[in-house]
Amino acid sequence: MDYQKKFKKTLLSQPNCILGKNGVTNEFIKHVNKLLKRYKVIKIKALKSVATKSNIKELAHITSKLSNSYLIDVRGKMFILSLYDFDKSN
């Protein structure tokens, strides 16, 4: 399955994990890495207590940087990370 199809499947599915009130911790990053290794593309939902409209992109960038992944999309309080970079021109 190519990554565009994986992205669409992930976009329509339930979140793989939830970023809670503790924020981005070492345990959260370990869990994200485990999920990325298994699924290649994951969806993360941030709770209201940790994410606001102004800092959701910052949280997404921090999570992608610490997990050595690529930030693909941010929509509302959800963001999608991928183990590999997508070519958005296709």
Protein backbone atom coordinates (compact mmCIF):
# COMPACT_ATOMS: atom_id res chain seq x y z
CA MET A 1 0.00 0.00 0.00
CA ASP A 2 1.47 3.36 -0.94
CA TYR A 3 1.69 6.19 1.54
CA GLN A 4 -1.07 8.30 0.00
CA LYS A 5 -3.52 5.47 0.65
CA LYS A 6 -2.12 4.99 4.16
CA PHE A 7 -2.58 8.71 4.79
CA LYS A 8 -6.20 8.63 3.64
CA LYS A 9 -6.89 5.52 5.71
CA THR A 10 -5.32 7.14 8.78
CA LEU A 11 -7.18 10.40 8.21
CA LEU A 12 -10.53 8.61 8.26
CA SER A 13 -9.74 6.30 11.18
CA GLN A 14 -9.79 6.79 14.94
CA PRO A 15 -6.68 8.29 16.61
CA ASN A 16 -3.88 5.84 17.39
CA CYS A 17 -2.97 7.65 20.61
CA ILE A 18 -4.01 10.61 22.72
CA LEU A 19 -1.77 13.38 23.99
CA GLY A 20 -2.97 13.97 27.54
CA LYS A 21 -2.55 16.58 30.23
CA ASN A 22 1.04 15.53 31.00
CA GLY A 23 2.09 16.76 27.57
CA VAL A 24 4.99 15.42 25.54
CA THR A 25 6.89 13.14 27.92
CA ASN A 26 9.54 10.48 27.34
CA GLU A 27 6.94 7.74 27.78
CA PHE A 28 4.69 9.40 25.20
CA ILE A 29 7.56 9.62 22.69
CA LYS A 30 8.44 5.95 23.27
CA HIS A 31 4.80 5.03 22.63
CA VAL A 32 4.70 7.15 19.46
CA ASN A 33 7.91 5.51 18.19
CA LYS A 34 6.43 2.06 18.82
CA LEU A 35 3.26 2.99 16.93
CA LEU A 36 5.22 4.51 14.04
CA LYS A 37 7.32 1.39 13.72
CA ARG A 38 4.16 -0.71 13.55
CA TYR A 39 1.79 1.44 11.44
CA LYS A 40 4.18 3.85 9.58
CA VAL A 41 1.47 6.59 9.64
CA ILE A 42 -0.35 7.49 12.88
CA LYS A 43 -2.97 9.94 14.03
CA ILE A 44 -2.63 11.68 17.39
CA LYS A 45 -5.40 13.54 19.19
CA ALA A 46 -4.53 16.23 21.75
CA LEU A 47 -6.93 16.82 24.61
CA LYS A 48 -8.38 20.26 25.34
CA SER A 49 -6.42 20.46 28.58
CA VAL A 50 -3.07 20.41 26.77
CA ALA A 51 -3.80 21.92 23.35
CA THR A 52 -5.16 25.26 22.30
CA LYS A 53 -5.50 26.67 18.82
CA SER A 54 -2.27 28.59 19.26
CA ASN A 55 -0.02 25.77 20.49
CA ILE A 56 -1.27 22.64 18.69
CA LYS A 57 1.17 23.17 15.81
CA GLU A 58 4.01 23.69 18.28
CA LEU A 59 3.10 20.45 20.08
CA ALA A 60 2.94 18.62 16.75
CA HIS A 61 6.38 19.91 15.70
CA ILE A 62 7.91 19.00 19.06
CA THR A 63 6.43 15.49 18.89
CA SER A 64 7.65 14.94 15.32
CA LYS A 65 11.13 16.25 16.14
CA LEU A 66 11.54 14.09 19.24
CA SER A 67 10.20 10.98 17.53
CA ASN A 68 12.29 11.53 14.36
CA SER A 69 9.18 11.50 12.19
CA TYR A 70 7.53 13.83 9.69
CA LEU A 71 4.53 16.01 10.45
CA ILE A 72 2.09 15.47 7.61
CA ASP A 73 -1.08 17.28 8.64
CA VAL A 74 -2.62 19.31 11.48
CA ARG A 75 -6.41 19.55 11.65
CA GLY A 76 -8.07 20.96 14.71
CA LYS A 77 -6.65 19.15 17.72
CA MET A 78 -5.45 16.19 15.64
CA PHE A 79 -2.19 15.72 13.79
CA ILE A 80 -0.75 12.99 11.61
CA LEU A 81 2.84 11.78 11.80
CA SER A 82 4.64 9.55 9.33
CA LEU A 83 7.83 7.56 9.51
CA TYR A 84 8.66 8.67 5.94
CA ASP A 85 8.23 11.98 4.15
CA PHE A 86 5.41 12.26 1.60
CA ASP A 87 5.83 13.86 -1.77
CA LYS A 88 2.80 16.17 -1.75
CA SER A 89 3.00 16.82 -5.48
CA ASN A 90 1.65 13.34 -6.30
